[in-house]
Amino acid sequence: MRKILSLIVFAVALIGTWFLIHSSPSVGFETHSGIQEKLITLITEAVSSKKAQARDFKIVKLWTETLDDNKVRAVFAYRFNEPGEGTEVLEQTVEGEAILHREPSSDEKIDRWVVQSARTTNDSVNFVEGMIVTPVPGEGEETPEGAPVAPPATEKSPGH
């Protein structure tokens, strides 16, 4: 009896995985690729319009995942350099995500995806060249024992 039950479980699992592998996804590979290409264009245009001095723009990460038949989540990160004060260069990295929703189209062969929401989740700024910060002499210096040095006393005249 155990052998027959094992055979039935194995056959059901085999058939189930066969249909799972050979079923077509609700959002195809071409759709994901098209969404990613359009997002690259939108992000590039937005950065160039808001940050005119941005240079060395690069998409660091971009992937999409299907949430349901009519909803896709896109996760992205991009990096660019921007001039700072003097000769300093700032490298900015921005991470974010967008939710896209499929809307009905008059042509059944064309999917129309609309950005429902987009937000950045993490912005960071890195200094390409390190800054040198020097303390003011005499203030906050520490002695070898770790005790702070007292500021120099002002001299008072004896009658005051």
C-alpha atoms as a PDB file:
ATOM      1  CA  MET A   1       0.000   0.000   0.000  1.00  0.00           C
ATOM      2  CA  ARG A   2       2.882   2.362   0.823  1.00  0.00           C
ATOM      3  CA  LYS A   3       4.469   1.808  -2.566  1.00  0.00           C
ATOM      4  CA  ILE A   4       1.240   2.677  -4.386  1.00  0.00           C
ATOM      5  CA  LEU A   5       0.738   5.819  -2.274  1.00  0.00           C
ATOM      6  CA  SER A   6       4.346   6.902  -2.892  1.00  0.00           C
ATOM      7  CA  LEU A   7       3.908   6.340  -6.613  1.00  0.00           C
ATOM      8  CA  ILE A   8       0.737   8.470  -6.668  1.00  0.00           C
ATOM      9  CA  VAL A   9       2.407  11.313  -4.706  1.00  0.00           C
ATOM     10  CA  PHE A  10       5.417  11.182  -7.025  1.00  0.00           C
ATOM     11  CA  ALA A  11       3.215  11.242 -10.148  1.00  0.00           C
ATOM     12  CA  VAL A  12       1.167  14.218  -8.860  1.00  0.00           C
ATOM     13  CA  ALA A  13       4.347  16.117  -8.001  1.00  0.00           C
ATOM     14  CA  LEU A  14       5.856  15.345 -11.406  1.00  0.00           C
ATOM     15  CA  ILE A  15       2.736  16.480 -13.278  1.00  0.00           C
ATOM     16  CA  GLY A  16       2.415  19.604 -11.121  1.00  0.00           C
ATOM     17  CA  THR A  17       6.003  20.691 -11.730  1.00  0.00           C
ATOM     18  CA  TRP A  18       5.612  19.966 -15.462  1.00  0.00           C
ATOM     19  CA  PHE A  19       2.677  22.364 -15.711  1.00  0.00           C
ATOM     20  CA  LEU A  20       4.413  24.919 -13.503  1.00  0.00           C
ATOM     21  CA  ILE A  21       7.520  24.983 -15.681  1.00  0.00           C
ATOM     22  CA  HIS A  22       5.653  25.024 -18.978  1.00  0.00           C
ATOM     23  CA  SER A  23       3.024  27.613 -18.057  1.00  0.00           C
ATOM     24  CA  SER A  24       3.459  31.092 -19.494  1.00  0.00           C
ATOM     25  CA  PRO A  25       4.072  33.904 -16.992  1.00  0.00           C
ATOM     26  CA  SER A  26       1.466  36.642 -16.594  1.00  0.00           C
ATOM     27  CA  VAL A  27       4.131  39.259 -17.365  1.00  0.00           C
ATOM     28  CA  GLY A  28       6.600  38.080 -19.985  1.00  0.00           C
ATOM     29  CA  PHE A  29      10.339  38.587 -20.276  1.00  0.00           C
ATOM     30  CA  GLU A  30       9.902  41.092 -23.104  1.00  0.00           C
ATOM     31  CA  THR A  31       7.611  43.190 -20.920  1.00  0.00           C
ATOM     32  CA  HIS A  32      10.142  43.249 -18.073  1.00  0.00           C
ATOM     33  CA  SER A  33      12.886  44.200 -20.519  1.00  0.00           C
ATOM     34  CA  GLY A  34      10.768  47.004 -22.010  1.00  0.00           C
ATOM     35  CA  ILE A  35       9.892  48.375 -18.572  1.00  0.00           C
ATOM     36  CA  GLN A  36      13.574  48.380 -17.587  1.00  0.00           C
ATOM     37  CA  GLU A  37      14.608  50.196 -20.774  1.00  0.00           C
ATOM     38  CA  LYS A  38      11.919  52.847 -20.284  1.00  0.00           C
ATOM     39  CA  LEU A  39      12.894  53.332 -16.632  1.00  0.00           C
ATOM     40  CA  ILE A  40      16.521  53.893 -17.639  1.00  0.00           C
ATOM     41  CA  THR A  41      15.360  56.614 -20.029  1.00  0.00           C
ATOM     42  CA  LEU A  42      13.077  58.231 -17.419  1.00  0.00           C
ATOM     43  CA  ILE A  43      15.751  58.208 -14.696  1.00  0.00           C
ATOM     44  CA  THR A  44      18.421  59.591 -17.044  1.00  0.00           C
ATOM     45  CA  GLU A  45      16.138  62.422 -18.194  1.00  0.00           C
ATOM     46  CA  ALA A  46      15.079  63.262 -14.613  1.00  0.00           C
ATOM     47  CA  VAL A  47      18.673  63.435 -13.350  1.00  0.00           C
ATOM     48  CA  SER A  48      19.877  65.504 -16.312  1.00  0.00           C
ATOM     49  CA  SER A  49      17.017  67.993 -15.882  1.00  0.00           C
ATOM     50  CA  LYS A  50      17.397  68.368 -12.097  1.00  0.00           C
ATOM     51  CA  LYS A  51      21.188  68.063 -11.874  1.00  0.00           C
ATOM     52  CA  ALA A  52      22.556  69.790 -14.968  1.00  0.00           C
ATOM     53  CA  GLN A  53      26.170  69.468 -13.764  1.00  0.00           C
ATOM     54  CA  ALA A  54      25.920  65.709 -13.142  1.00  0.00           C
ATOM     55  CA  ARG A  55      28.624  63.655 -14.877  1.00  0.00           C
ATOM     56  CA  ASP A  56      29.498  59.959 -15.156  1.00  0.00           C
ATOM     57  CA  PHE A  57      25.889  58.807 -14.747  1.00  0.00           C
ATOM     58  CA  LYS A  58      25.584  55.054 -14.262  1.00  0.00           C
ATOM     59  CA  ILE A  59      22.712  52.689 -13.462  1.00  0.00           C
ATOM     60  CA  VAL A  60      24.084  50.447 -10.718  1.00  0.00           C
ATOM     61  CA  LYS A  61      21.095  48.155 -10.200  1.00  0.00           C
ATOM     62  CA  LEU A  62      17.792  47.661 -11.984  1.00  0.00           C
ATOM     63  CA  TRP A  63      15.450  44.690 -11.727  1.00  0.00           C
ATOM     64  CA  THR A  64      11.745  44.090 -11.934  1.00  0.00           C
ATOM     65  CA  GLU A  65       9.460  41.528 -10.362  1.00  0.00           C
ATOM     66  CA  THR A  66       5.850  40.599 -10.985  1.00  0.00           C
ATOM     67  CA  LEU A  67       3.591  41.288  -8.002  1.00  0.00           C
ATOM     68  CA  ASP A  68       0.422  40.099  -9.748  1.00  0.00           C
ATOM     69  CA  ASP A  69      -1.020  39.945 -13.282  1.00  0.00           C
ATOM     70  CA  ASN A  70      -1.349  43.732 -13.513  1.00  0.00           C
ATOM     71  CA  LYS A  71       1.355  45.014 -11.167  1.00  0.00           C
ATOM     72  CA  VAL A  72       5.167  45.104 -11.415  1.00  0.00           C
ATOM     73  CA  ARG A  73       7.717  46.361  -8.886  1.00  0.00           C
ATOM     74  CA  ALA A  74      10.964  47.898 -10.158  1.00  0.00           C
ATOM     75  CA  VAL A  75      13.981  48.375  -7.888  1.00  0.00           C
ATOM     76  CA  PHE A  76      16.780  50.656  -9.050  1.00  0.00           C
ATOM     77  CA  ALA A  77      19.984  52.373  -7.980  1.00  0.00           C
ATOM     78  CA  TYR A  78      21.999  54.930  -9.895  1.00  0.00           C
ATOM     79  CA  ARG A  79      25.196  56.882  -9.327  1.00  0.00           C
ATOM     80  CA  PHE A  80      26.591  60.140 -10.678  1.00  0.00           C
ATOM     81  CA  ASN A  81      29.335  62.646  -9.895  1.00  0.00           C
ATOM     82  CA  GLU A  82      28.647  66.285  -9.200  1.00  0.00           C
ATOM     83  CA  PRO A  83      31.136  69.125  -8.668  1.00  0.00           C
ATOM     84  CA  GLY A  84      31.378  70.388  -5.106  1.00  0.00           C
ATOM     85  CA  GLU A  85      33.210  73.389  -3.687  1.00  0.00           C
ATOM     86  CA  GLY A  86      36.508  74.166  -5.406  1.00  0.00           C
ATOM     87  CA  THR A  87      37.999  71.070  -7.017  1.00  0.00           C
ATOM     88  CA  GLU A  88      36.008  68.673  -4.876  1.00  0.00           C
ATOM     89  CA  VAL A  89      33.862  66.025  -6.587  1.00  0.00           C
ATOM     90  CA  LEU A  90      30.842  64.456  -4.884  1.00  0.00           C
ATOM     91  CA  GLU A  91      29.679  60.977  -5.836  1.00  0.00           C
ATOM     92  CA  GLN A  92      25.975  60.551  -5.165  1.00  0.00           C
ATOM     93  CA  THR A  93      24.187  57.212  -5.068  1.00  0.00           C
ATOM     94  CA  VAL A  94      20.391  57.042  -5.082  1.00  0.00           C
ATOM     95  CA  GLU A  95      18.337  53.887  -4.517  1.00  0.00           C
ATOM     96  CA  GLY A  96      14.610  53.605  -5.029  1.00  0.00           C
ATOM     97  CA  GLU A  97      11.658  51.624  -6.243  1.00  0.00           C
ATOM     98  CA  ALA A  98       8.613  52.120  -8.438  1.00  0.00           C
ATOM     99  CA  ILE A  99       5.292  50.323  -8.738  1.00  0.00           C
ATOM    100  CA  LEU A 100       3.853  50.025 -12.235  1.00  0.00           C
ATOM    101  CA  HIS A 101       0.266  49.106 -13.057  1.00  0.00           C
ATOM    102  CA  ARG A 102      -1.006  47.650 -16.341  1.00  0.00           C
ATOM    103  CA  GLU A 103      -3.816  49.698 -17.841  1.00  0.00           C
ATOM    104  CA  PRO A 104      -6.186  48.575 -20.581  1.00  0.00           C
ATOM    105  CA  SER A 105      -5.126  49.511 -24.085  1.00  0.00           C
ATOM    106  CA  SER A 106      -7.131  49.780 -27.307  1.00  0.00           C
ATOM    107  CA  ASP A 107      -4.641  47.417 -28.964  1.00  0.00           C
ATOM    108  CA  GLU A 108      -4.645  44.013 -27.258  1.00  0.00           C
ATOM    109  CA  LYS A 109      -1.100  43.239 -28.438  1.00  0.00           C
ATOM    110  CA  ILE A 110       0.387  46.274 -26.665  1.00  0.00           C
ATOM    111  CA  ASP A 111       0.625  46.494 -22.883  1.00  0.00           C
ATOM    112  CA  ARG A 112       0.392  49.954 -21.369  1.00  0.00           C
ATOM    113  CA  TRP A 113       2.255  50.246 -18.065  1.00  0.00           C
ATOM    114  CA  VAL A 114       1.844  53.352 -15.902  1.00  0.00           C
ATOM    115  CA  VAL A 115       4.058  54.315 -12.962  1.00  0.00           C
ATOM    116  CA  GLN A 116       1.698  54.252 -10.005  1.00  0.00           C
ATOM    117  CA  SER A 117       4.255  55.342  -7.411  1.00  0.00           C
ATOM    118  CA  ALA A 118       7.969  55.981  -7.291  1.00  0.00           C
ATOM    119  CA  ARG A 119      10.164  56.842  -4.347  1.00  0.00           C
ATOM    120  CA  THR A 120      13.789  56.931  -3.419  1.00  0.00           C
ATOM    121  CA  THR A 121      14.697  54.953  -0.355  1.00  0.00           C
ATOM    122  CA  ASN A 122      18.357  55.756   0.220  1.00  0.00           C
ATOM    123  CA  ASP A 123      20.503  58.695  -0.867  1.00  0.00           C
ATOM    124  CA  SER A 124      24.187  58.822  -0.040  1.00  0.00           C
ATOM    125  CA  VAL A 125      26.977  61.252  -0.846  1.00  0.00           C
ATOM    126  CA  ASN A 126      30.632  60.210  -0.983  1.00  0.00           C
ATOM    127  CA  PHE A 127      33.540  62.577  -1.298  1.00  0.00           C
ATOM    128  CA  VAL A 128      35.749  61.388  -4.142  1.00  0.00           C
ATOM    129  CA  GLU A 129      38.756  63.155  -2.653  1.00  0.00           C
ATOM    130  CA  GLY A 130      39.004  63.095   1.128  1.00  0.00           C
ATOM    131  CA  MET A 131      38.843  66.342   3.036  1.00  0.00           C
ATOM    132  CA  ILE A 132      41.584  67.241   5.492  1.00  0.00           C
ATOM    133  CA  VAL A 133      40.289  68.679   8.732  1.00  0.00           C
ATOM    134  CA  THR A 134      42.841  70.229  11.095  1.00  0.00           C
ATOM    135  CA  PRO A 135      42.089  71.310  14.662  1.00  0.00           C
ATOM    136  CA  VAL A 136      42.684  74.857  15.842  1.00  0.00           C
ATOM    137  CA  PRO A 137      46.007  74.885  17.788  1.00  0.00           C
ATOM    138  CA  GLY A 138      45.574  75.010  21.551  1.00  0.00           C
ATOM    139  CA  GLU A 139      41.868  74.178  21.647  1.00  0.00           C
ATOM    140  CA  GLY A 140      40.820  70.687  22.589  1.00  0.00           C
ATOM    141  CA  GLU A 141      44.355  69.272  22.439  1.00  0.00           C
ATOM    142  CA  GLU A 142      45.005  66.348  24.692  1.00  0.00           C
ATOM    143  CA  THR A 143      48.049  65.598  26.778  1.00  0.00           C
ATOM    144  CA  PRO A 144      49.714  62.201  26.530  1.00  0.00           C
ATOM    145  CA  GLU A 145      47.774  61.096  29.614  1.00  0.00           C
ATOM    146  CA  GLY A 146      44.494  61.927  27.883  1.00  0.00           C
ATOM    147  CA  ALA A 147      43.598  65.009  29.944  1.00  0.00           C
ATOM    148  CA  PRO A 148      42.615  68.095  27.937  1.00  0.00           C
ATOM    149  CA  VAL A 149      45.001  71.042  27.939  1.00  0.00           C
ATOM    150  CA  ALA A 150      43.597  74.102  29.657  1.00  0.00           C
ATOM    151  CA  PRO A 151      43.404  77.212  27.514  1.00  0.00           C
ATOM    152  CA  PRO A 152      46.079  79.795  28.315  1.00  0.00           C
ATOM    153  CA  ALA A 153      45.153  82.077  31.229  1.00  0.00           C
ATOM    154  CA  THR A 154      44.895  85.772  30.600  1.00  0.00           C
ATOM    155  CA  GLU A 155      47.103  87.974  32.714  1.00  0.00           C
ATOM    156  CA  LYS A 156      45.393  90.384  35.095  1.00  0.00           C
ATOM    157  CA  SER A 157      46.967  93.468  36.431  1.00  0.00           C
ATOM    158  CA  PRO A 158      47.303  93.552  40.254  1.00  0.00           C
ATOM    159  CA  GLY A 159      44.795  96.300  40.895  1.00  0.00           C
ATOM    160  CA  HIS A 160      41.784  94.939  39.163  1.00  0.00           C
END
